Protein backbone atom coordinates (compact mmCIF):
# COMPACT_ATOMS: atom_id res chain seq x y z
CA MET A 1 -25.12 -8.07 -6.02
CA ILE A 2 -21.73 -6.41 -5.57
CA GLU A 3 -18.82 -8.27 -7.15
CA LYS A 4 -16.04 -9.21 -4.71
CA PHE A 5 -12.43 -9.86 -5.68
CA SER A 6 -10.11 -12.20 -3.80
CA THR A 7 -6.74 -11.16 -2.40
CA ALA A 8 -5.01 -12.67 -5.43
CA ARG A 9 -7.28 -10.93 -7.95
CA ALA A 10 -7.06 -7.57 -6.12
CA ALA A 11 -3.26 -7.86 -6.08
CA GLN A 12 -3.28 -8.66 -9.79
CA ILE A 13 -5.41 -5.60 -10.54
CA LEU A 14 -3.00 -3.44 -8.49
CA ASP A 15 0.04 -5.08 -10.12
CA ILE A 16 1.51 -6.13 -6.78
CA SER A 17 2.10 -9.51 -5.16
CA THR A 18 -0.38 -11.04 -2.75
CA ASN A 19 2.39 -10.93 -0.13
CA THR A 20 2.69 -7.17 -0.58
CA LEU A 21 -1.04 -6.75 -0.05
CA LYS A 22 -0.93 -8.94 3.08
CA ARG A 23 2.11 -7.02 4.39
CA TRP A 24 0.28 -3.72 3.98
CA TYR A 25 -2.48 -5.00 6.26
CA LYS A 26 -0.05 -6.54 8.75
CA TRP A 27 1.88 -3.25 8.93
CA TYR A 28 -1.29 -1.14 9.06
CA HIS A 29 -2.81 -3.09 11.95
CA SER A 30 0.44 -3.30 13.95
CA ASP A 31 0.79 -0.99 16.93
CA ASP A 32 4.58 -1.17 16.59
CA TYR A 33 4.69 1.42 13.79
CA GLN A 34 3.46 4.98 13.46
CA LYS A 35 1.45 5.50 10.28
CA PRO A 36 1.35 8.69 8.21
CA ILE A 37 -1.72 10.77 8.94
CA GLY A 38 -4.47 10.20 6.41
CA LEU A 39 -3.08 6.90 5.09
CA LYS A 40 -6.01 4.46 5.24
CA LEU A 41 -6.70 0.91 4.12
CA PRO A 42 -10.24 -0.32 3.46
CA GLU A 43 -11.59 -3.12 5.65
CA PRO A 44 -12.05 -6.21 3.48
CA GLU A 45 -14.48 -9.04 4.02
CA ILE A 46 -12.50 -12.00 5.39
CA SER A 47 -13.59 -15.57 4.67
CA GLY A 48 -13.32 -18.50 7.08
CA ASN A 49 -9.94 -19.51 5.64
CA GLY A 50 -8.52 -15.96 5.95
CA THR A 51 -8.87 -14.87 2.33
CA MET A 52 -9.62 -11.17 1.99
CA PHE A 53 -12.32 -10.07 -0.46
CA PHE A 54 -12.58 -6.56 -1.84
CA THR A 55 -15.16 -4.61 -3.81
CA MET A 56 -13.98 -2.58 -6.81
CA GLU A 57 -14.44 0.57 -4.73
CA GLN A 58 -12.09 -0.88 -2.10
CA ILE A 59 -9.56 -1.79 -4.80
CA GLN A 60 -9.66 1.86 -5.88
CA GLU A 61 -8.99 2.83 -2.24
CA LEU A 62 -6.08 0.36 -2.22
CA HIS A 63 -4.71 2.02 -5.35
CA LYS A 64 -4.91 5.39 -3.61
CA PHE A 65 -3.12 3.86 -0.59
CA GLN A 66 -0.46 2.42 -2.93
CA THR A 67 0.14 5.82 -4.54
CA GLU A 68 0.22 7.70 -1.23
CA LEU A 69 2.53 5.12 0.35
CA ARG A 70 4.98 5.40 -2.56
CA LEU A 71 4.94 9.20 -2.25
CA PHE A 72 5.46 9.01 1.52
CA ILE A 73 8.41 6.63 1.09
CA GLU A 74 9.91 8.84 -1.62
CA VAL A 75 9.65 11.97 0.55
CA LEU A 76 11.03 10.09 3.56
CA TRP A 77 13.94 8.73 1.51
CA GLN A 78 14.76 12.19 0.17
CA SER A 79 14.76 13.64 3.69
CA LEU A 80 17.11 10.88 4.88
CA MET A 81 19.41 11.18 1.88
CA PRO A 82 19.65 14.93 1.20
CA HIS A 83 22.90 14.53 -0.73
CA THR A 84 21.12 12.78 -3.58
CA ASN A 85 19.57 14.55 -6.51
CA GLY A 86 16.40 12.58 -7.12
CA GLY A 87 18.32 9.33 -6.94
CA ASN A 88 21.20 10.63 -9.08
CA VAL A 89 23.96 10.34 -6.51
CA GLY A 90 26.95 12.56 -7.17
CA LEU A 91 25.29 14.92 -9.65
CA LYS A 92 25.06 18.60 -8.85
CA SER A 93 21.62 20.14 -8.49
C-alpha cells in the first residue's frame, strides 16, 4: 500500500504553510492567470472534506514545482527591476 500524506504533512515536509500549498492549487487551476510553460502540479487525491492527500512521489513533484516557481519569480523580478544588482539596490555591477 502506498503511503499518503495530508495537506498539512506535505506542507510540513516542503517547509511551507498549508495556505501556501492551497494557494498554489487555487492559482494553478484558475483561468485568470497565465502559467509558465512546463510548470506542473501533481493531482492529489481529495477526500470528502476537501483534504488533499499526496504520495511521496507527488511531494517530490511539489518540491520541483516550488523550486521552479521560485526561479521563475526571481527571473521575473529581475526583468522588472533591471536597476538592481541581485537585490543590492544602488550597488554598481
